[in-house]
Amino acid sequence: DLESMRPASQTAGILTRLLEEHREAMQNIHAFKQTIRELLELCCLRGIIHPLFADHTYREANHFLELLGHLEASLTAGPEPSAK
Protein backbone atom coordinates (compact mmCIF):
# COMPACT_ATOMS: atom_id res chain seq x y z
CA ASP A 1 0.00 0.00 0.00
CA LEU A 2 2.05 2.93 -1.28
CA GLU A 3 -0.45 5.54 -0.10
CA SER A 4 0.23 4.66 3.54
CA MET A 5 3.98 4.92 2.86
CA ARG A 6 3.78 8.46 1.49
CA PRO A 7 5.53 10.77 3.93
CA ALA A 8 3.99 13.80 5.54
CA SER A 9 4.99 17.15 4.06
CA GLN A 10 7.83 17.71 6.56
CA THR A 11 9.50 14.39 5.62
CA ALA A 12 8.99 14.46 1.85
CA GLY A 13 12.59 13.55 0.97
CA ILE A 14 13.00 10.56 3.28
CA LEU A 15 11.61 7.87 0.97
CA THR A 16 13.42 9.29 -2.04
CA ARG A 17 16.73 9.33 -0.17
CA LEU A 18 16.12 5.81 1.16
CA LEU A 19 15.41 4.50 -2.34
CA GLU A 20 18.54 6.21 -3.71
CA GLU A 21 20.68 4.63 -0.99
CA HIS A 22 19.18 1.20 -1.61
CA ARG A 23 19.59 1.54 -5.37
CA GLU A 24 23.27 2.47 -5.00
CA ALA A 25 23.93 -0.44 -2.62
CA MET A 26 22.02 -2.86 -4.84
CA GLN A 27 23.92 -1.73 -7.94
CA ASN A 28 27.18 -2.52 -6.13
CA ILE A 29 25.88 -5.96 -5.13
CA HIS A 30 24.60 -6.52 -8.68
CA ALA A 31 28.02 -5.69 -10.15
CA PHE A 32 29.71 -8.04 -7.68
CA LYS A 33 27.34 -10.90 -8.49
CA GLN A 34 27.79 -10.29 -12.21
CA THR A 35 31.57 -10.47 -11.84
CA ILE A 36 31.34 -13.70 -9.85
CA ARG A 37 29.02 -15.23 -12.45
CA GLU A 38 31.31 -14.24 -15.32
CA LEU A 39 34.46 -15.52 -13.59
CA LEU A 40 32.79 -18.84 -12.82
CA GLU A 41 31.67 -19.21 -16.45
CA LEU A 42 35.22 -18.52 -17.63
CA CYS A 43 36.64 -20.98 -15.06
CA CYS A 44 38.79 -18.17 -13.67
CA LEU A 45 37.45 -18.49 -10.16
CA ARG A 46 37.79 -21.42 -7.84
CA GLY A 47 35.19 -21.98 -5.21
CA ILE A 48 32.43 -24.20 -3.97
CA ILE A 49 29.58 -22.15 -5.44
CA HIS A 50 27.79 -23.75 -8.37
CA PRO A 51 27.58 -21.57 -11.51
CA LEU A 52 23.79 -22.01 -11.65
CA PHE A 53 23.49 -20.66 -8.12
CA ALA A 54 25.67 -17.68 -9.05
CA ASP A 55 23.38 -17.04 -12.03
CA HIS A 56 20.31 -17.35 -9.81
CA THR A 57 21.58 -14.79 -7.30
CA TYR A 58 22.52 -12.46 -10.17
CA ARG A 59 18.97 -12.70 -11.56
CA GLU A 60 17.57 -12.01 -8.08
CA ALA A 61 19.64 -8.81 -7.97
CA ASN A 62 18.22 -7.83 -11.38
CA HIS A 63 14.70 -8.46 -10.10
CA PHE A 64 15.26 -6.38 -6.97
CA LEU A 65 16.60 -3.47 -9.05
CA GLU A 66 13.50 -3.73 -11.22
CA LEU A 67 11.26 -3.64 -8.13
CA LEU A 68 13.09 -0.55 -6.87
CA GLY A 69 12.46 1.10 -10.23
CA HIS A 70 8.73 0.35 -10.03
CA LEU A 71 8.58 1.69 -6.48
CA GLU A 72 10.42 4.88 -7.45
CA ALA A 73 8.12 5.39 -10.44
CA SER A 74 5.07 4.89 -8.24
CA LEU A 75 6.31 7.36 -5.63
CA THR A 76 7.25 10.04 -8.15
CA ALA A 77 3.93 9.70 -10.00
CA GLY A 78 2.14 11.35 -7.08
CA PRO A 79 -0.99 10.23 -5.31
CA GLU A 80 -3.43 8.13 -7.26
CA PRO A 81 -6.94 9.53 -7.63
CA SER A 82 -9.27 7.95 -5.13
CA ALA A 83 -11.95 5.67 -6.52
CA LYS A 84 -15.49 6.75 -5.77
C-alpha atoms as a PDB file:
ATOM      1  CA  ASP A   1       0.000   0.000   0.000  1.00  0.00           C
ATOM      2  CA  LEU A   2       2.049   2.926  -1.276  1.00  0.00           C
ATOM      3  CA  GLU A   3      -0.448   5.539  -0.099  1.00  0.00           C
ATOM      4  CA  SER A   4       0.232   4.661   3.538  1.00  0.00           C
ATOM      5  CA  MET A   5       3.983   4.919   2.856  1.00  0.00           C
ATOM      6  CA  ARG A   6       3.783   8.458   1.488  1.00  0.00           C
ATOM      7  CA  PRO A   7       5.526  10.767   3.933  1.00  0.00           C
ATOM      8  CA  ALA A   8       3.989  13.803   5.539  1.00  0.00           C
ATOM      9  CA  SER A   9       4.995  17.151   4.062  1.00  0.00           C
ATOM     10  CA  GLN A  10       7.831  17.715   6.560  1.00  0.00           C
ATOM     11  CA  THR A  11       9.504  14.388   5.622  1.00  0.00           C
ATOM     12  CA  ALA A  12       8.989  14.455   1.846  1.00  0.00           C
ATOM     13  CA  GLY A  13      12.585  13.546   0.966  1.00  0.00           C
ATOM     14  CA  ILE A  14      13.002  10.564   3.276  1.00  0.00           C
ATOM     15  CA  LEU A  15      11.610   7.869   0.967  1.00  0.00           C
ATOM     16  CA  THR A  16      13.419   9.289  -2.042  1.00  0.00           C
ATOM     17  CA  ARG A  17      16.728   9.334  -0.170  1.00  0.00           C
ATOM     18  CA  LEU A  18      16.116   5.815   1.162  1.00  0.00           C
ATOM     19  CA  LEU A  19      15.406   4.504  -2.339  1.00  0.00           C
ATOM     20  CA  GLU A  20      18.536   6.209  -3.710  1.00  0.00           C
ATOM     21  CA  GLU A  21      20.678   4.629  -0.989  1.00  0.00           C
ATOM     22  CA  HIS A  22      19.181   1.197  -1.614  1.00  0.00           C
ATOM     23  CA  ARG A  23      19.585   1.541  -5.368  1.00  0.00           C
ATOM     24  CA  GLU A  24      23.266   2.470  -4.995  1.00  0.00           C
ATOM     25  CA  ALA A  25      23.927  -0.436  -2.620  1.00  0.00           C
ATOM     26  CA  MET A  26      22.015  -2.857  -4.836  1.00  0.00           C
ATOM     27  CA  GLN A  27      23.920  -1.731  -7.938  1.00  0.00           C
ATOM     28  CA  ASN A  28      27.177  -2.524  -6.129  1.00  0.00           C
ATOM     29  CA  ILE A  29      25.878  -5.958  -5.133  1.00  0.00           C
ATOM     30  CA  HIS A  30      24.595  -6.516  -8.675  1.00  0.00           C
ATOM     31  CA  ALA A  31      28.019  -5.695 -10.147  1.00  0.00           C
ATOM     32  CA  PHE A  32      29.714  -8.038  -7.680  1.00  0.00           C
ATOM     33  CA  LYS A  33      27.344 -10.897  -8.494  1.00  0.00           C
ATOM     34  CA  GLN A  34      27.787 -10.287 -12.211  1.00  0.00           C
ATOM     35  CA  THR A  35      31.568 -10.469 -11.840  1.00  0.00           C
ATOM     36  CA  ILE A  36      31.339 -13.701  -9.846  1.00  0.00           C
ATOM     37  CA  ARG A  37      29.016 -15.228 -12.447  1.00  0.00           C
ATOM     38  CA  GLU A  38      31.310 -14.243 -15.323  1.00  0.00           C
ATOM     39  CA  LEU A  39      34.455 -15.518 -13.593  1.00  0.00           C
ATOM     40  CA  LEU A  40      32.787 -18.845 -12.819  1.00  0.00           C
ATOM     41  CA  GLU A  41      31.665 -19.207 -16.447  1.00  0.00           C
ATOM     42  CA  LEU A  42      35.221 -18.524 -17.629  1.00  0.00           C
ATOM     43  CA  CYS A  43      36.640 -20.983 -15.061  1.00  0.00           C
ATOM     44  CA  CYS A  44      38.786 -18.172 -13.669  1.00  0.00           C
ATOM     45  CA  LEU A  45      37.448 -18.486 -10.157  1.00  0.00           C
ATOM     46  CA  ARG A  46      37.786 -21.419  -7.836  1.00  0.00           C
ATOM     47  CA  GLY A  47      35.188 -21.980  -5.212  1.00  0.00           C
ATOM     48  CA  ILE A  48      32.434 -24.202  -3.975  1.00  0.00           C
ATOM     49  CA  ILE A  49      29.578 -22.152  -5.439  1.00  0.00           C
ATOM     50  CA  HIS A  50      27.789 -23.751  -8.368  1.00  0.00           C
ATOM     51  CA  PRO A  51      27.577 -21.567 -11.515  1.00  0.00           C
ATOM     52  CA  LEU A  52      23.793 -22.007 -11.650  1.00  0.00           C
ATOM     53  CA  PHE A  53      23.494 -20.660  -8.123  1.00  0.00           C
ATOM     54  CA  ALA A  54      25.668 -17.676  -9.054  1.00  0.00           C
ATOM     55  CA  ASP A  55      23.383 -17.037 -12.033  1.00  0.00           C
ATOM     56  CA  HIS A  56      20.307 -17.346  -9.810  1.00  0.00           C
ATOM     57  CA  THR A  57      21.579 -14.788  -7.303  1.00  0.00           C
ATOM     58  CA  TYR A  58      22.516 -12.456 -10.172  1.00  0.00           C
ATOM     59  CA  ARG A  59      18.974 -12.703 -11.563  1.00  0.00           C
ATOM     60  CA  GLU A  60      17.574 -12.007  -8.084  1.00  0.00           C
ATOM     61  CA  ALA A  61      19.643  -8.805  -7.974  1.00  0.00           C
ATOM     62  CA  ASN A  62      18.219  -7.833 -11.383  1.00  0.00           C
ATOM     63  CA  HIS A  63      14.704  -8.462 -10.104  1.00  0.00           C
ATOM     64  CA  PHE A  64      15.257  -6.380  -6.970  1.00  0.00           C
ATOM     65  CA  LEU A  65      16.600  -3.466  -9.048  1.00  0.00           C
ATOM     66  CA  GLU A  66      13.504  -3.728 -11.220  1.00  0.00           C
ATOM     67  CA  LEU A  67      11.261  -3.645  -8.132  1.00  0.00           C
ATOM     68  CA  LEU A  68      13.085  -0.551  -6.874  1.00  0.00           C
ATOM     69  CA  GLY A  69      12.458   1.099 -10.235  1.00  0.00           C
ATOM     70  CA  HIS A  70       8.734   0.351 -10.028  1.00  0.00           C
ATOM     71  CA  LEU A  71       8.578   1.694  -6.481  1.00  0.00           C
ATOM     72  CA  GLU A  72      10.417   4.879  -7.451  1.00  0.00           C
ATOM     73  CA  ALA A  73       8.124   5.386 -10.436  1.00  0.00           C
ATOM     74  CA  SER A  74       5.072   4.895  -8.240  1.00  0.00           C
ATOM     75  CA  LEU A  75       6.307   7.362  -5.627  1.00  0.00           C
ATOM     76  CA  THR A  76       7.245  10.043  -8.152  1.00  0.00           C
ATOM     77  CA  ALA A  77       3.926   9.700  -9.997  1.00  0.00           C
ATOM     78  CA  GLY A  78       2.139  11.345  -7.083  1.00  0.00           C
ATOM     79  CA  PRO A  79      -0.985  10.235  -5.314  1.00  0.00           C
ATOM     80  CA  GLU A  80      -3.435   8.135  -7.256  1.00  0.00           C
ATOM     81  CA  PRO A  81      -6.936   9.529  -7.631  1.00  0.00           C
ATOM     82  CA  SER A  82      -9.269   7.949  -5.130  1.00  0.00           C
ATOM     83  CA  ALA A  83     -11.952   5.665  -6.516  1.00  0.00           C
ATOM     84  CA  LYS A  84     -15.491   6.748  -5.769  1.00  0.00           C
END
